[in-house]
Amino acid sequence: MSKITYEQPLNERIRIFLRLEHLFRFASYHMSGTTEWDHRLAIVDFLNIVDLISRSDIKMDLIKELEKHAGTLEALKHNRNVDTDKLSDILENILRVTSILRDSSCQPGQAIRQDEFLSTIKQRSIMPGGSCNFDLPNYHFWLNTPHEERVRDLQKWYKDLDILFEGVKLTLTMVRNSSTPVREIATSGFFQKPIDSGLSCQLIRIRLPSDSNYYPEISGGKHRFTVRFMEQSSSISRPVQTNENVEFELHCCFL
């Protein structure tokens, strides 16, 4: 049976990386669409990504994470139980992306910030319904250009950001793969676990069967995390913690 994975970041850096991954997936999906509405949403996604990366030094955060993971992989090179070819490929990718990010000319999002067309759309989009054709006739004109021309523009804007997505994907893959899954039981829908003081847990992942009647609400900090399994009988009712014992798969990602 297929499973649903729920994730909860335990620090701000991983939280932002997960948000970026989410937005990049939206952007990729909407770029592949063929309609005006798909491409409207792709532009919204680009603007949201740029807004998010403007709030902190994402580039330096990524460099730090990637260098940490590179050090971990280097230490595993002589481990006989490791697939050295696969390890070398991942390490090569990490070093390549880190090198690009370290280059002073690499300024993800700068081209989008300086794009007059996108800046106008961003300003008007703050207002509900502000991107109507009478508000932004130049946008309306662009949306009615041939599909191939719009795609070229979208790909140009995406290229301004894609090195970030590469770095985020590499980092989150390393983090997600750093855990050993264990089976746990939440008694009456409640589970709590301390975090070893010598370890830095970055991400909690919980997997449940796709036909489960519950979903987890996860909260945590440096010392412990808590999971409550909730039920919601309809959209108009409030979620409540289940009284059932819930078996689930737990991943504590420490890398």
C-alpha atoms as a PDB file:
ATOM      1  CA  MET A   1       0.000   0.000   0.000  1.00  0.00           C
ATOM      2  CA  SER A   2       1.241   3.494  -0.810  1.00  0.00           C
ATOM      3  CA  LYS A   3       2.140   5.852   2.026  1.00  0.00           C
ATOM      4  CA  ILE A   4       1.825   9.549   2.751  1.00  0.00           C
ATOM      5  CA  THR A   5       4.871  11.341   4.142  1.00  0.00           C
ATOM      6  CA  TYR A   6       4.484  14.262   6.542  1.00  0.00           C
ATOM      7  CA  GLU A   7       7.462  16.468   7.377  1.00  0.00           C
ATOM      8  CA  GLN A   8       8.257  18.957  10.120  1.00  0.00           C
ATOM      9  CA  PRO A   9      11.479  21.037  10.070  1.00  0.00           C
ATOM     10  CA  LEU A  10      13.090  21.695  13.435  1.00  0.00           C
ATOM     11  CA  ASN A  11      15.153  24.734  12.454  1.00  0.00           C
ATOM     12  CA  GLU A  12      14.637  27.823  10.336  1.00  0.00           C
ATOM     13  CA  ARG A  13      17.193  26.884   7.675  1.00  0.00           C
ATOM     14  CA  ILE A  14      15.495  23.598   6.770  1.00  0.00           C
ATOM     15  CA  ARG A  15      12.093  25.299   6.997  1.00  0.00           C
ATOM     16  CA  ILE A  16      13.123  27.791   4.301  1.00  0.00           C
ATOM     17  CA  PHE A  17      14.659  25.050   2.141  1.00  0.00           C
ATOM     18  CA  LEU A  18      11.377  23.115   2.281  1.00  0.00           C
ATOM     19  CA  ARG A  19       9.419  26.224   1.326  1.00  0.00           C
ATOM     20  CA  LEU A  20      11.752  26.802  -1.613  1.00  0.00           C
ATOM     21  CA  GLU A  21      11.397  23.196  -2.748  1.00  0.00           C
ATOM     22  CA  HIS A  22       7.620  23.616  -2.578  1.00  0.00           C
ATOM     23  CA  LEU A  23       7.689  26.815  -4.656  1.00  0.00           C
ATOM     24  CA  PHE A  24      10.129  25.425  -7.230  1.00  0.00           C
ATOM     25  CA  ARG A  25       7.888  22.397  -7.748  1.00  0.00           C
ATOM     26  CA  PHE A  26       4.954  24.708  -8.336  1.00  0.00           C
ATOM     27  CA  ALA A  27       7.006  26.767 -10.790  1.00  0.00           C
ATOM     28  CA  SER A  28       8.152  23.694 -12.741  1.00  0.00           C
ATOM     29  CA  TYR A  29       4.597  22.392 -12.942  1.00  0.00           C
ATOM     30  CA  HIS A  30       3.107  25.682 -14.104  1.00  0.00           C
ATOM     31  CA  MET A  31       5.900  26.279 -16.632  1.00  0.00           C
ATOM     32  CA  SER A  32       5.056  22.977 -18.305  1.00  0.00           C
ATOM     33  CA  GLY A  33       1.452  24.084 -18.824  1.00  0.00           C
ATOM     34  CA  THR A  34       0.211  25.491 -22.106  1.00  0.00           C
ATOM     35  CA  THR A  35      -2.396  28.039 -21.078  1.00  0.00           C
ATOM     36  CA  GLU A  36      -2.295  31.696 -20.094  1.00  0.00           C
ATOM     37  CA  TRP A  37      -3.379  30.687 -16.582  1.00  0.00           C
ATOM     38  CA  ASP A  38      -0.489  28.248 -16.185  1.00  0.00           C
ATOM     39  CA  HIS A  39       2.012  30.929 -17.108  1.00  0.00           C
ATOM     40  CA  ARG A  40       0.375  33.515 -14.862  1.00  0.00           C
ATOM     41  CA  LEU A  41       0.904  31.129 -11.955  1.00  0.00           C
ATOM     42  CA  ALA A  42       4.502  30.407 -12.992  1.00  0.00           C
ATOM     43  CA  ILE A  43       5.274  34.123 -12.724  1.00  0.00           C
ATOM     44  CA  VAL A  44       3.607  34.267  -9.305  1.00  0.00           C
ATOM     45  CA  ASP A  45       5.833  31.345  -8.267  1.00  0.00           C
ATOM     46  CA  PHE A  46       9.003  33.138  -9.447  1.00  0.00           C
ATOM     47  CA  LEU A  47       8.036  36.292  -7.558  1.00  0.00           C
ATOM     48  CA  ASN A  48       7.301  34.280  -4.415  1.00  0.00           C
ATOM     49  CA  ILE A  49      10.691  32.552  -4.633  1.00  0.00           C
ATOM     50  CA  VAL A  50      12.505  35.874  -4.993  1.00  0.00           C
ATOM     51  CA  ASP A  51      10.534  37.312  -2.084  1.00  0.00           C
ATOM     52  CA  LEU A  52      11.482  34.346   0.110  1.00  0.00           C
ATOM     53  CA  ILE A  53      15.196  34.387  -0.725  1.00  0.00           C
ATOM     54  CA  SER A  54      15.315  38.137  -0.062  1.00  0.00           C
ATOM     55  CA  ARG A  55      14.534  37.595   3.621  1.00  0.00           C
ATOM     56  CA  SER A  56      17.819  35.924   4.551  1.00  0.00           C
ATOM     57  CA  ASP A  57      21.193  34.949   3.111  1.00  0.00           C
ATOM     58  CA  ILE A  58      19.971  31.772   1.432  1.00  0.00           C
ATOM     59  CA  LYS A  59      23.088  31.451  -0.701  1.00  0.00           C
ATOM     60  CA  MET A  60      25.430  31.357   2.299  1.00  0.00           C
ATOM     61  CA  ASP A  61      23.101  29.006   4.195  1.00  0.00           C
ATOM     62  CA  LEU A  62      23.180  26.609   1.247  1.00  0.00           C
ATOM     63  CA  ILE A  63      26.960  26.798   0.980  1.00  0.00           C
ATOM     64  CA  LYS A  64      27.326  25.926   4.678  1.00  0.00           C
ATOM     65  CA  GLU A  65      24.959  22.966   4.405  1.00  0.00           C
ATOM     66  CA  LEU A  66      26.572  21.637   1.232  1.00  0.00           C
ATOM     67  CA  GLU A  67      30.078  21.927   2.682  1.00  0.00           C
ATOM     68  CA  LYS A  68      28.945  20.039   5.772  1.00  0.00           C
ATOM     69  CA  HIS A  69      27.508  17.252   3.620  1.00  0.00           C
ATOM     70  CA  ALA A  70      30.651  17.163   1.470  1.00  0.00           C
ATOM     71  CA  GLY A  71      32.694  16.601   4.636  1.00  0.00           C
ATOM     72  CA  THR A  72      30.386  13.764   5.677  1.00  0.00           C
ATOM     73  CA  LEU A  73      30.747  12.069   2.288  1.00  0.00           C
ATOM     74  CA  GLU A  74      34.530  12.486   2.254  1.00  0.00           C
ATOM     75  CA  ALA A  75      34.681  10.639   5.580  1.00  0.00           C
ATOM     76  CA  LEU A  76      32.728   7.732   4.057  1.00  0.00           C
ATOM     77  CA  LYS A  77      34.973   7.259   1.029  1.00  0.00           C
ATOM     78  CA  HIS A  78      36.949   4.390   2.556  1.00  0.00           C
ATOM     79  CA  ASN A  79      33.961   2.600   4.075  1.00  0.00           C
ATOM     80  CA  ARG A  80      33.678  -0.815   2.394  1.00  0.00           C
ATOM     81  CA  ASN A  81      29.900  -0.869   2.833  1.00  0.00           C
ATOM     82  CA  VAL A  82      29.409   2.274   0.758  1.00  0.00           C
ATOM     83  CA  ASP A  83      28.733   2.392  -2.984  1.00  0.00           C
ATOM     84  CA  THR A  84      31.784   4.492  -3.862  1.00  0.00           C
ATOM     85  CA  ASP A  85      30.630   5.258  -7.425  1.00  0.00           C
ATOM     86  CA  LYS A  86      27.328   6.664  -6.208  1.00  0.00           C
ATOM     87  CA  LEU A  87      29.080   8.536  -3.399  1.00  0.00           C
ATOM     88  CA  SER A  88      31.545  10.085  -5.859  1.00  0.00           C
ATOM     89  CA  ASP A  89      28.713  11.229  -8.151  1.00  0.00           C
ATOM     90  CA  ILE A  90      26.861  12.912  -5.277  1.00  0.00           C
ATOM     91  CA  LEU A  91      30.048  14.493  -3.938  1.00  0.00           C
ATOM     92  CA  GLU A  92      30.962  15.785  -7.394  1.00  0.00           C
ATOM     93  CA  ASN A  93      27.510  17.377  -7.712  1.00  0.00           C
ATOM     94  CA  ILE A  94      27.773  18.984  -4.283  1.00  0.00           C
ATOM     95  CA  LEU A  95      31.222  20.429  -5.038  1.00  0.00           C
ATOM     96  CA  ARG A  96      30.055  21.720  -8.442  1.00  0.00           C
ATOM     97  CA  VAL A  97      26.999  23.506  -7.005  1.00  0.00           C
ATOM     98  CA  THR A  98      29.022  24.885  -4.081  1.00  0.00           C
ATOM     99  CA  SER A  99      31.635  26.270  -6.464  1.00  0.00           C
ATOM    100  CA  ILE A 100      28.965  28.050  -8.545  1.00  0.00           C
ATOM    101  CA  LEU A 101      27.306  29.505  -5.446  1.00  0.00           C
ATOM    102  CA  ARG A 102      30.659  30.761  -4.126  1.00  0.00           C
ATOM    103  CA  ASP A 103      31.302  32.745  -7.301  1.00  0.00           C
ATOM    104  CA  SER A 104      30.611  36.428  -6.634  1.00  0.00           C
ATOM    105  CA  SER A 105      28.822  36.703  -9.994  1.00  0.00           C
ATOM    106  CA  CYS A 106      26.218  34.176  -8.831  1.00  0.00           C
ATOM    107  CA  GLN A 107      23.342  36.301  -7.515  1.00  0.00           C
ATOM    108  CA  PRO A 108      20.156  34.205  -7.776  1.00  0.00           C
ATOM    109  CA  GLY A 109      17.038  36.306  -8.254  1.00  0.00           C
ATOM    110  CA  GLN A 110      18.892  39.486  -9.210  1.00  0.00           C
ATOM    111  CA  ALA A 111      17.825  39.398 -12.859  1.00  0.00           C
ATOM    112  CA  ILE A 112      14.188  38.943 -11.828  1.00  0.00           C
ATOM    113  CA  ARG A 113      14.379  41.827  -9.325  1.00  0.00           C
ATOM    114  CA  GLN A 114      15.778  44.088 -12.045  1.00  0.00           C
ATOM    115  CA  ASP A 115      13.239  43.032 -14.683  1.00  0.00           C
ATOM    116  CA  GLU A 116      10.893  45.991 -15.255  1.00  0.00           C
ATOM    117  CA  PHE A 117       8.104  43.810 -16.646  1.00  0.00           C
ATOM    118  CA  LEU A 118       8.069  41.492 -13.616  1.00  0.00           C
ATOM    119  CA  SER A 119       8.439  44.391 -11.178  1.00  0.00           C
ATOM    120  CA  THR A 120       5.284  45.979 -12.573  1.00  0.00           C
ATOM    121  CA  ILE A 121       3.384  42.703 -12.224  1.00  0.00           C
ATOM    122  CA  LYS A 122       4.586  42.326  -8.634  1.00  0.00           C
ATOM    123  CA  GLN A 123       3.458  45.835  -7.683  1.00  0.00           C
ATOM    124  CA  ARG A 124      -0.020  45.388  -9.130  1.00  0.00           C
ATOM    125  CA  SER A 125      -0.455  41.835  -7.832  1.00  0.00           C
ATOM    126  CA  ILE A 126      -0.473  43.080  -4.234  1.00  0.00           C
ATOM    127  CA  MET A 127      -4.024  44.278  -4.898  1.00  0.00           C
ATOM    128  CA  PRO A 128      -6.691  41.508  -5.121  1.00  0.00           C
ATOM    129  CA  GLY A 129      -7.458  41.134  -8.819  1.00  0.00           C
ATOM    130  CA  GLY A 130      -4.753  43.684  -9.593  1.00  0.00           C
ATOM    131  CA  SER A 131      -3.391  41.825 -12.612  1.00  0.00           C
ATOM    132  CA  CYS A 132      -6.509  42.317 -14.760  1.00  0.00           C
ATOM    133  CA  ASN A 133      -5.900  43.242 -18.390  1.00  0.00           C
ATOM    134  CA  PHE A 134      -6.980  46.877 -17.814  1.00  0.00           C
ATOM    135  CA  ASP A 135      -4.455  47.170 -14.949  1.00  0.00           C
ATOM    136  CA  LEU A 136      -1.577  45.609 -16.862  1.00  0.00           C
ATOM    137  CA  PRO A 137      -2.102  45.835 -20.632  1.00  0.00           C
ATOM    138  CA  ASN A 138       1.546  44.893 -21.229  1.00  0.00           C
ATOM    139  CA  TYR A 139       0.971  41.690 -19.226  1.00  0.00           C
ATOM    140  CA  HIS A 140      -2.183  40.980 -21.227  1.00  0.00           C
ATOM    141  CA  PHE A 141      -0.159  41.485 -24.412  1.00  0.00           C
ATOM    142  CA  TRP A 142       2.563  39.069 -23.218  1.00  0.00           C
ATOM    143  CA  LEU A 143       0.020  36.433 -22.226  1.00  0.00           C
ATOM    144  CA  ASN A 144      -1.311  36.485 -25.779  1.00  0.00           C
ATOM    145  CA  THR A 145       2.050  36.080 -27.484  1.00  0.00           C
ATOM    146  CA  PRO A 146       2.795  32.648 -29.000  1.00  0.00           C
ATOM    147  CA  HIS A 147       3.304  29.858 -26.473  1.00  0.00           C
ATOM    148  CA  GLU A 148       6.900  29.300 -27.577  1.00  0.00           C
ATOM    149  CA  GLU A 149       7.822  32.923 -26.854  1.00  0.00           C
ATOM    150  CA  ARG A 150       6.298  32.807 -23.386  1.00  0.00           C
ATOM    151  CA  VAL A 151       8.154  29.577 -22.623  1.00  0.00           C
ATOM    152  CA  ARG A 152      11.468  31.159 -23.657  1.00  0.00           C
ATOM    153  CA  ASP A 153      10.861  34.015 -21.236  1.00  0.00           C
ATOM    154  CA  LEU A 154       9.839  31.651 -18.434  1.00  0.00           C
ATOM    155  CA  GLN A 155      12.946  29.538 -18.971  1.00  0.00           C
ATOM    156  CA  LYS A 156      15.115  32.673 -18.868  1.00  0.00           C
ATOM    157  CA  TRP A 157      13.630  33.707 -15.514  1.00  0.00           C
ATOM    158  CA  TYR A 158      13.853  30.167 -14.160  1.00  0.00           C
ATOM    159  CA  LYS A 159      17.536  30.000 -15.100  1.00  0.00           C
ATOM    160  CA  ASP A 160      18.112  32.971 -12.796  1.00  0.00           C
ATOM    161  CA  LEU A 161      17.055  30.745  -9.883  1.00  0.00           C
ATOM    162  CA  ASP A 162      17.777  27.140 -10.830  1.00  0.00           C
ATOM    163  CA  ILE A 163      21.162  26.865  -9.072  1.00  0.00           C
ATOM    164  CA  LEU A 164      19.297  27.445  -5.800  1.00  0.00           C
ATOM    165  CA  PHE A 165      16.936  24.599  -6.603  1.00  0.00           C
ATOM    166  CA  GLU A 166      19.881  22.309  -7.336  1.00  0.00           C
ATOM    167  CA  GLY A 167      21.432  23.179  -3.992  1.00  0.00           C
ATOM    168  CA  VAL A 168      18.163  22.776  -2.106  1.00  0.00           C
ATOM    169  CA  LYS A 169      17.471  19.388  -3.717  1.00  0.00           C
ATOM    170  CA  LEU A 170      20.945  18.098  -2.875  1.00  0.00           C
ATOM    171  CA  THR A 171      20.702  19.311   0.724  1.00  0.00           C
ATOM    172  CA  LEU A 172      17.226  17.928   1.374  1.00  0.00           C
ATOM    173  CA  THR A 173      18.107  14.601  -0.249  1.00  0.00           C
ATOM    174  CA  MET A 174      21.085  14.249   2.096  1.00  0.00           C
ATOM    175  CA  VAL A 175      18.987  15.201   5.131  1.00  0.00           C
ATOM    176  CA  ARG A 176      16.091  12.892   4.246  1.00  0.00           C
ATOM    177  CA  ASN A 177      18.408   9.960   3.605  1.00  0.00           C
ATOM    178  CA  SER A 178      20.228  10.394   6.919  1.00  0.00           C
ATOM    179  CA  SER A 179      17.624   8.578   9.023  1.00  0.00           C
ATOM    180  CA  THR A 180      16.869   4.952   9.798  1.00  0.00           C
ATOM    181  CA  PRO A 181      13.095   4.405   9.902  1.00  0.00           C
ATOM    182  CA  VAL A 182      11.593   2.902  13.052  1.00  0.00           C
ATOM    183  CA  ARG A 183       8.085   1.716  13.863  1.00  0.00           C
ATOM    184  CA  GLU A 184       6.424   3.572  16.717  1.00  0.00           C
ATOM    185  CA  ILE A 185       2.993   3.643  18.371  1.00  0.00           C
ATOM    186  CA  ALA A 186       1.196   6.797  19.466  1.00  0.00           C
ATOM    187  CA  THR A 187      -0.909   5.844  22.500  1.00  0.00           C
ATOM    188  CA  SER A 188      -4.344   7.443  22.217  1.00  0.00           C
ATOM    189  CA  GLY A 189      -2.967   9.462  19.330  1.00  0.00           C
ATOM    190  CA  PHE A 190      -0.093  10.981  21.341  1.00  0.00           C
ATOM    191  CA  PHE A 191       3.659  10.454  20.957  1.00  0.00           C
ATOM    192  CA  GLN A 192       6.607  12.315  22.440  1.00  0.00           C
ATOM    193  CA  LYS A 193      10.309  11.626  22.149  1.00  0.00           C
ATOM    194  CA  PRO A 194      13.428  13.352  23.520  1.00  0.00           C
ATOM    195  CA  ILE A 195      16.218  14.297  21.137  1.00  0.00           C
ATOM    196  CA  ASP A 196      19.734  13.179  22.063  1.00  0.00           C
ATOM    197  CA  SER A 197      21.625  16.273  23.218  1.00  0.00           C
ATOM    198  CA  GLY A 198      24.637  15.148  21.207  1.00  0.00           C
ATOM    199  CA  LEU A 199      22.681  15.121  17.954  1.00  0.00           C
ATOM    200  CA  SER A 200      21.114  17.901  15.915  1.00  0.00           C
ATOM    201  CA  CYS A 201      17.798  16.701  14.518  1.00  0.00           C
ATOM    202  CA  GLN A 202      16.880  18.855  11.530  1.00  0.00           C
ATOM    203  CA  LEU A 203      13.760  17.177  10.213  1.00  0.00           C
ATOM    204  CA  ILE A 204      11.034  14.846  11.458  1.00  0.00           C
ATOM    205  CA  ARG A 205       9.306  12.661   8.873  1.00  0.00           C
ATOM    206  CA  ILE A 206       6.259  10.515   9.561  1.00  0.00           C
ATOM    207  CA  ARG A 207       4.796   8.008   7.127  1.00  0.00           C
ATOM    208  CA  LEU A 208       1.265   6.649   7.270  1.00  0.00           C
ATOM    209  CA  PRO A 209      -0.724   4.366   4.956  1.00  0.00           C
ATOM    210  CA  SER A 210      -2.622   6.363   2.348  1.00  0.00           C
ATOM    211  CA  ASP A 211      -5.938   5.009   3.671  1.00  0.00           C
ATOM    212  CA  SER A 212      -5.247   6.165   7.242  1.00  0.00           C
ATOM    213  CA  ASN A 213      -8.006   8.126   8.978  1.00  0.00           C
ATOM    214  CA  TYR A 214      -5.486  10.321  10.798  1.00  0.00           C
ATOM    215  CA  TYR A 215      -2.900  12.959  10.071  1.00  0.00           C
ATOM    216  CA  PRO A 216      -0.061  14.079  12.372  1.00  0.00           C
ATOM    217  CA  GLU A 217       0.465  17.490  13.898  1.00  0.00           C
ATOM    218  CA  ILE A 218       4.171  17.687  14.712  1.00  0.00           C
ATOM    219  CA  SER A 219       5.870  20.234  16.947  1.00  0.00           C
ATOM    220  CA  GLY A 220       9.352  20.280  18.371  1.00  0.00           C
ATOM    221  CA  GLY A 221      12.535  22.042  19.353  1.00  0.00           C
ATOM    222  CA  LYS A 222      16.112  21.209  20.289  1.00  0.00           C
ATOM    223  CA  HIS A 223      15.301  18.812  23.132  1.00  0.00           C
ATOM    224  CA  ARG A 224      12.119  16.922  22.176  1.00  0.00           C
ATOM    225  CA  PHE A 225       9.316  16.644  19.681  1.00  0.00           C
ATOM    226  CA  THR A 226       5.642  15.800  19.992  1.00  0.00           C
ATOM    227  CA  VAL A 227       3.221  14.183  17.566  1.00  0.00           C
ATOM    228  CA  ARG A 228      -0.552  14.299  17.872  1.00  0.00           C
ATOM    229  CA  PHE A 229      -2.633  12.292  15.439  1.00  0.00           C
ATOM    230  CA  MET A 230      -5.761  14.170  14.475  1.00  0.00           C
ATOM    231  CA  GLU A 231      -9.106  13.333  12.917  1.00  0.00           C
ATOM    232  CA  GLN A 232     -11.445  15.686  11.088  1.00  0.00           C
ATOM    233  CA  SER A 233     -14.812  14.237  10.158  1.00  0.00           C
ATOM    234  CA  SER A 234     -15.757  17.089   7.792  1.00  0.00           C
ATOM    235  CA  SER A 235     -14.506  20.470   6.616  1.00  0.00           C
ATOM    236  CA  ILE A 236     -16.889  22.302   8.961  1.00  0.00           C
ATOM    237  CA  SER A 237     -15.852  20.399  12.095  1.00  0.00           C
ATOM    238  CA  ARG A 238     -12.803  21.086  14.255  1.00  0.00           C
ATOM    239  CA  PRO A 239      -9.940  18.560  14.163  1.00  0.00           C
ATOM    240  CA  VAL A 240      -9.658  16.449  17.318  1.00  0.00           C
ATOM    241  CA  GLN A 241      -6.942  14.147  18.615  1.00  0.00           C
ATOM    242  CA  THR A 242      -7.867  10.509  18.060  1.00  0.00           C
ATOM    243  CA  ASN A 243      -8.328   8.126  20.981  1.00  0.00           C
ATOM    244  CA  GLU A 244      -6.955   5.245  18.911  1.00  0.00           C
ATOM    245  CA  ASN A 245      -3.443   3.835  19.174  1.00  0.00           C
ATOM    246  CA  VAL A 246      -1.721   4.761  15.922  1.00  0.00           C
ATOM    247  CA  GLU A 247       1.190   2.803  14.465  1.00  0.00           C
ATOM    248  CA  PHE A 248       3.445   4.862  12.221  1.00  0.00           C
ATOM    249  CA  GLU A 249       6.876   5.005  10.622  1.00  0.00           C
ATOM    250  CA  LEU A 250       9.214   7.597  12.136  1.00  0.00           C
ATOM    251  CA  HIS A 251      12.291   9.176  10.575  1.00  0.00           C
ATOM    252  CA  CYS A 252      14.503  11.479  12.670  1.00  0.00           C
ATOM    253  CA  CYS A 253      16.904  13.130  10.221  1.00  0.00           C
ATOM    254  CA  PHE A 254      20.075  14.115  12.054  1.00  0.00           C
ATOM    255  CA  LEU A 255      22.493  14.986   9.244  1.00  0.00           C
END
